[in-house]
Amino acid sequence: AEAHPDFDIRSITVFAEDDYFEEFSYATEQVSHDAVISVLLQTLKALDILKDCIPGYWQDCIDWTTARLNEVWLDRGAFPGLGSMLCAVGFKFGVVLASDIKNIISEGEDYEGFVAKTIKNPTAYFRSEIAASIGKTEQGAFLSLTGERKALFWLLDIY
């Protein structure tokens, strides 16, 4: 501190953002993907500052943190709200459907189109008991979404 009085220790301190503070309280064992992403991004920023200030194996730390960030992004997925949105439309096992879709979709495939395809022909994509839960009513409710309702479905799907 005496050698570098201009250095602000807060620049290398990682805090839980206000939006996620409660998730880190009271000996929490699990936090949301978005909270972890926030903390890892702050950690990368702090490590980038540290590598220029203090000798050490900071690049190894940066590489490790970047790898964890990539894992969390993959685990979170681009559309973490699909299960909730499918439940809102009327699917009994919306969360299970979303998880199964996440596991079978190919990288780079049109997400919205693939989801619609699985809903139209559930026996081709889901276990029999899950496929059996998708009736004409659920299919109709989902496939008839148009305009603003469809846009809202996919907007909320990303949260």
C-alpha atoms as a PDB file:
ATOM      1  CA  ALA A   1       0.000   0.000   0.000  1.00  0.00           C
ATOM      2  CA  GLU A   2       2.841   2.394   0.823  1.00  0.00           C
ATOM      3  CA  ALA A   3       4.679   1.581  -2.415  1.00  0.00           C
ATOM      4  CA  HIS A   4       1.548   2.142  -4.527  1.00  0.00           C
ATOM      5  CA  PRO A   5      -0.719   4.660  -2.771  1.00  0.00           C
ATOM      6  CA  ASP A   6      -2.738   5.212  -5.971  1.00  0.00           C
ATOM      7  CA  PHE A   7      -3.718   1.546  -6.228  1.00  0.00           C
ATOM      8  CA  ASP A   8      -7.387   0.941  -5.431  1.00  0.00           C
ATOM      9  CA  ILE A   9      -7.828  -2.483  -3.824  1.00  0.00           C
ATOM     10  CA  ARG A  10     -11.482  -2.446  -4.923  1.00  0.00           C
ATOM     11  CA  SER A  11     -10.274  -2.888  -8.524  1.00  0.00           C
ATOM     12  CA  ILE A  12      -9.212  -6.458  -7.697  1.00  0.00           C
ATOM     13  CA  THR A  13     -11.966  -7.305  -5.231  1.00  0.00           C
ATOM     14  CA  VAL A  14     -14.781  -9.514  -6.452  1.00  0.00           C
ATOM     15  CA  PHE A  15     -18.202  -8.801  -4.981  1.00  0.00           C
ATOM     16  CA  ALA A  16     -21.544 -10.413  -5.613  1.00  0.00           C
ATOM     17  CA  GLU A  17     -23.584  -7.904  -7.601  1.00  0.00           C
ATOM     18  CA  ASP A  18     -26.680  -6.512  -5.904  1.00  0.00           C
ATOM     19  CA  ASP A  19     -28.927  -8.654  -8.123  1.00  0.00           C
ATOM     20  CA  TYR A  20     -27.230 -11.807  -6.834  1.00  0.00           C
ATOM     21  CA  PHE A  21     -26.240 -10.819  -3.289  1.00  0.00           C
ATOM     22  CA  GLU A  22     -28.961 -12.889  -1.605  1.00  0.00           C
ATOM     23  CA  GLU A  23     -27.829 -15.989  -3.499  1.00  0.00           C
ATOM     24  CA  PHE A  24     -24.454 -15.811  -1.763  1.00  0.00           C
ATOM     25  CA  SER A  25     -25.843 -15.254   1.731  1.00  0.00           C
ATOM     26  CA  TYR A  26     -26.302 -17.751   4.548  1.00  0.00           C
ATOM     27  CA  ALA A  27     -23.823 -20.468   3.536  1.00  0.00           C
ATOM     28  CA  THR A  28     -25.321 -20.974   0.095  1.00  0.00           C
ATOM     29  CA  GLU A  29     -24.299 -24.177  -1.651  1.00  0.00           C
ATOM     30  CA  GLN A  30     -25.833 -23.396  -5.019  1.00  0.00           C
ATOM     31  CA  VAL A  31     -26.292 -20.187  -6.987  1.00  0.00           C
ATOM     32  CA  SER A  32     -27.808 -19.407 -10.370  1.00  0.00           C
ATOM     33  CA  HIS A  33     -25.836 -19.672 -13.580  1.00  0.00           C
ATOM     34  CA  ASP A  34     -26.113 -15.929 -14.089  1.00  0.00           C
ATOM     35  CA  ALA A  35     -24.671 -15.248 -10.619  1.00  0.00           C
ATOM     36  CA  VAL A  36     -21.704 -17.526 -11.324  1.00  0.00           C
ATOM     37  CA  ILE A  37     -21.158 -15.889 -14.712  1.00  0.00           C
ATOM     38  CA  SER A  38     -21.166 -12.461 -13.073  1.00  0.00           C
ATOM     39  CA  VAL A  39     -18.602 -13.503 -10.458  1.00  0.00           C
ATOM     40  CA  LEU A  40     -16.353 -15.227 -12.998  1.00  0.00           C
ATOM     41  CA  LEU A  41     -16.371 -12.166 -15.270  1.00  0.00           C
ATOM     42  CA  GLN A  42     -15.401  -9.976 -12.319  1.00  0.00           C
ATOM     43  CA  THR A  43     -12.703 -12.485 -11.397  1.00  0.00           C
ATOM     44  CA  LEU A  44     -11.245 -12.328 -14.902  1.00  0.00           C
ATOM     45  CA  LYS A  45     -11.156  -8.544 -14.709  1.00  0.00           C
ATOM     46  CA  ALA A  46      -9.370  -8.679 -11.337  1.00  0.00           C
ATOM     47  CA  LEU A  47      -6.873 -11.278 -12.569  1.00  0.00           C
ATOM     48  CA  ASP A  48      -6.099  -9.152 -15.609  1.00  0.00           C
ATOM     49  CA  ILE A  49      -5.187  -6.271 -13.301  1.00  0.00           C
ATOM     50  CA  LEU A  50      -3.208  -8.510 -10.929  1.00  0.00           C
ATOM     51  CA  LYS A  51      -1.039 -10.007 -13.667  1.00  0.00           C
ATOM     52  CA  ASP A  52       0.392  -6.547 -14.351  1.00  0.00           C
ATOM     53  CA  CYS A  53       0.963  -5.728 -10.668  1.00  0.00           C
ATOM     54  CA  ILE A  54       2.186  -8.829  -8.871  1.00  0.00           C
ATOM     55  CA  PRO A  55       4.449 -11.599 -10.176  1.00  0.00           C
ATOM     56  CA  GLY A  56       2.788 -14.978 -10.316  1.00  0.00           C
ATOM     57  CA  TYR A  57       1.125 -17.601 -12.423  1.00  0.00           C
ATOM     58  CA  TRP A  58      -1.771 -15.333 -13.299  1.00  0.00           C
ATOM     59  CA  GLN A  59      -2.198 -16.652 -16.825  1.00  0.00           C
ATOM     60  CA  ASP A  60      -2.851 -20.112 -15.380  1.00  0.00           C
ATOM     61  CA  CYS A  61      -5.515 -18.556 -13.137  1.00  0.00           C
ATOM     62  CA  ILE A  62      -7.002 -16.681 -16.090  1.00  0.00           C
ATOM     63  CA  ASP A  63      -7.046 -19.851 -18.198  1.00  0.00           C
ATOM     64  CA  TRP A  64      -8.703 -21.837 -15.398  1.00  0.00           C
ATOM     65  CA  THR A  65     -11.321 -19.132 -14.783  1.00  0.00           C
ATOM     66  CA  THR A  66     -12.025 -18.844 -18.510  1.00  0.00           C
ATOM     67  CA  ALA A  67     -12.528 -22.616 -18.721  1.00  0.00           C
ATOM     68  CA  ARG A  68     -14.994 -22.499 -15.795  1.00  0.00           C
ATOM     69  CA  LEU A  69     -16.817 -19.592 -17.446  1.00  0.00           C
ATOM     70  CA  ASN A  70     -17.154 -21.599 -20.660  1.00  0.00           C
ATOM     71  CA  GLU A  71     -18.512 -24.569 -18.685  1.00  0.00           C
ATOM     72  CA  VAL A  72     -21.118 -22.420 -16.954  1.00  0.00           C
ATOM     73  CA  TRP A  73     -22.207 -20.825 -20.242  1.00  0.00           C
ATOM     74  CA  LEU A  74     -22.630 -24.286 -21.765  1.00  0.00           C
ATOM     75  CA  ASP A  75     -24.477 -25.586 -18.717  1.00  0.00           C
ATOM     76  CA  ARG A  76     -26.729 -22.514 -18.606  1.00  0.00           C
ATOM     77  CA  GLY A  77     -27.489 -22.734 -22.295  1.00  0.00           C
ATOM     78  CA  ALA A  78     -28.718 -19.980 -24.529  1.00  0.00           C
ATOM     79  CA  PHE A  79     -32.325 -20.460 -23.436  1.00  0.00           C
ATOM     80  CA  PRO A  80     -32.460 -21.298 -19.710  1.00  0.00           C
ATOM     81  CA  GLY A  81     -36.117 -20.283 -19.424  1.00  0.00           C
ATOM     82  CA  LEU A  82     -37.512 -22.770 -21.942  1.00  0.00           C
ATOM     83  CA  GLY A  83     -38.755 -25.175 -19.261  1.00  0.00           C
ATOM     84  CA  SER A  84     -40.655 -22.459 -17.413  1.00  0.00           C
ATOM     85  CA  MET A  85     -42.115 -21.110 -20.626  1.00  0.00           C
ATOM     86  CA  LEU A  86     -43.264 -24.561 -21.760  1.00  0.00           C
ATOM     87  CA  CYS A  87     -44.938 -25.025 -18.362  1.00  0.00           C
ATOM     88  CA  ALA A  88     -46.618 -21.630 -18.754  1.00  0.00           C
ATOM     89  CA  VAL A  89     -48.037 -22.705 -22.122  1.00  0.00           C
ATOM     90  CA  GLY A  90     -49.453 -25.860 -20.503  1.00  0.00           C
ATOM     91  CA  PHE A  91     -46.884 -28.643 -20.805  1.00  0.00           C
ATOM     92  CA  LYS A  92     -46.960 -30.862 -17.704  1.00  0.00           C
ATOM     93  CA  PHE A  93     -43.263 -31.732 -17.993  1.00  0.00           C
ATOM     94  CA  GLY A  94     -41.967 -28.470 -19.486  1.00  0.00           C
ATOM     95  CA  VAL A  95     -38.712 -28.532 -17.529  1.00  0.00           C
ATOM     96  CA  VAL A  96     -38.019 -32.141 -18.541  1.00  0.00           C
ATOM     97  CA  LEU A  97     -38.799 -31.334 -22.179  1.00  0.00           C
ATOM     98  CA  ALA A  98     -36.404 -28.382 -22.093  1.00  0.00           C
ATOM     99  CA  SER A  99     -33.655 -30.513 -20.575  1.00  0.00           C
ATOM    100  CA  ASP A 100     -34.159 -33.240 -23.181  1.00  0.00           C
ATOM    101  CA  ILE A 101     -34.166 -30.686 -26.005  1.00  0.00           C
ATOM    102  CA  LYS A 102     -30.931 -29.180 -24.703  1.00  0.00           C
ATOM    103  CA  ASN A 103     -29.335 -32.636 -24.728  1.00  0.00           C
ATOM    104  CA  ILE A 104     -30.389 -33.605 -28.256  1.00  0.00           C
ATOM    105  CA  ILE A 105     -30.163 -30.400 -30.269  1.00  0.00           C
ATOM    106  CA  SER A 106     -27.170 -30.161 -32.583  1.00  0.00           C
ATOM    107  CA  GLU A 107     -24.830 -27.205 -32.334  1.00  0.00           C
ATOM    108  CA  GLY A 108     -25.768 -24.513 -34.819  1.00  0.00           C
ATOM    109  CA  GLU A 109     -29.279 -25.872 -35.383  1.00  0.00           C
ATOM    110  CA  ASP A 110     -32.184 -23.408 -35.537  1.00  0.00           C
ATOM    111  CA  TYR A 111     -33.323 -23.487 -31.914  1.00  0.00           C
ATOM    112  CA  GLU A 112     -36.874 -22.231 -32.356  1.00  0.00           C
ATOM    113  CA  GLY A 113     -37.426 -24.489 -35.342  1.00  0.00           C
ATOM    114  CA  PHE A 114     -36.040 -27.502 -33.499  1.00  0.00           C
ATOM    115  CA  VAL A 115     -38.255 -26.904 -30.465  1.00  0.00           C
ATOM    116  CA  ALA A 116     -41.300 -26.660 -32.744  1.00  0.00           C
ATOM    117  CA  LYS A 117     -40.255 -29.857 -34.529  1.00  0.00           C
ATOM    118  CA  THR A 118     -40.013 -31.763 -31.233  1.00  0.00           C
ATOM    119  CA  ILE A 119     -43.432 -30.512 -30.127  1.00  0.00           C
ATOM    120  CA  LYS A 120     -45.024 -31.489 -33.466  1.00  0.00           C
ATOM    121  CA  ASN A 121     -43.566 -35.012 -33.335  1.00  0.00           C
ATOM    122  CA  PRO A 122     -42.762 -35.796 -29.683  1.00  0.00           C
ATOM    123  CA  THR A 123     -42.470 -39.575 -30.107  1.00  0.00           C
ATOM    124  CA  ALA A 124     -39.459 -39.063 -32.371  1.00  0.00           C
ATOM    125  CA  TYR A 125     -37.553 -37.070 -29.747  1.00  0.00           C
ATOM    126  CA  PHE A 126     -38.699 -37.908 -26.218  1.00  0.00           C
ATOM    127  CA  ARG A 127     -39.078 -40.956 -23.962  1.00  0.00           C
ATOM    128  CA  SER A 128     -42.490 -42.574 -24.307  1.00  0.00           C
ATOM    129  CA  GLU A 129     -43.885 -41.348 -20.972  1.00  0.00           C
ATOM    130  CA  ILE A 130     -42.808 -37.767 -21.713  1.00  0.00           C
ATOM    131  CA  ALA A 131     -44.031 -37.901 -25.316  1.00  0.00           C
ATOM    132  CA  ALA A 132     -47.380 -39.252 -24.099  1.00  0.00           C
ATOM    133  CA  SER A 133     -47.831 -36.161 -21.919  1.00  0.00           C
ATOM    134  CA  ILE A 134     -47.863 -33.937 -25.005  1.00  0.00           C
ATOM    135  CA  GLY A 135     -51.413 -33.897 -26.295  1.00  0.00           C
ATOM    136  CA  LYS A 136     -53.143 -31.982 -29.053  1.00  0.00           C
ATOM    137  CA  THR A 137     -54.058 -29.228 -26.583  1.00  0.00           C
ATOM    138  CA  GLU A 138     -50.433 -28.571 -25.607  1.00  0.00           C
ATOM    139  CA  GLN A 139     -49.268 -28.825 -29.205  1.00  0.00           C
ATOM    140  CA  GLY A 140     -51.980 -26.430 -30.327  1.00  0.00           C
ATOM    141  CA  ALA A 141     -51.229 -23.929 -27.566  1.00  0.00           C
ATOM    142  CA  PHE A 142     -47.542 -23.854 -28.447  1.00  0.00           C
ATOM    143  CA  LEU A 143     -47.778 -24.055 -32.229  1.00  0.00           C
ATOM    144  CA  SER A 144     -50.491 -21.389 -32.438  1.00  0.00           C
ATOM    145  CA  LEU A 145     -48.315 -18.718 -30.799  1.00  0.00           C
ATOM    146  CA  THR A 146     -47.931 -15.892 -33.304  1.00  0.00           C
ATOM    147  CA  GLY A 147     -46.802 -12.306 -33.461  1.00  0.00           C
ATOM    148  CA  GLU A 148     -46.248 -10.600 -30.135  1.00  0.00           C
ATOM    149  CA  ARG A 149     -47.101 -13.689 -28.082  1.00  0.00           C
ATOM    150  CA  LYS A 150     -44.531 -15.766 -29.904  1.00  0.00           C
ATOM    151  CA  ALA A 151     -41.943 -12.984 -29.612  1.00  0.00           C
ATOM    152  CA  LEU A 152     -42.677 -12.712 -25.882  1.00  0.00           C
ATOM    153  CA  PHE A 153     -42.345 -16.490 -25.437  1.00  0.00           C
ATOM    154  CA  TRP A 154     -38.868 -16.488 -26.988  1.00  0.00           C
ATOM    155  CA  LEU A 155     -37.844 -13.320 -25.166  1.00  0.00           C
ATOM    156  CA  LEU A 156     -38.758 -14.787 -21.779  1.00  0.00           C
ATOM    157  CA  ASP A 157     -37.154 -18.064 -22.819  1.00  0.00           C
ATOM    158  CA  ILE A 158     -33.696 -16.494 -22.536  1.00  0.00           C
ATOM    159  CA  TYR A 159     -34.155 -15.688 -18.819  1.00  0.00           C
END
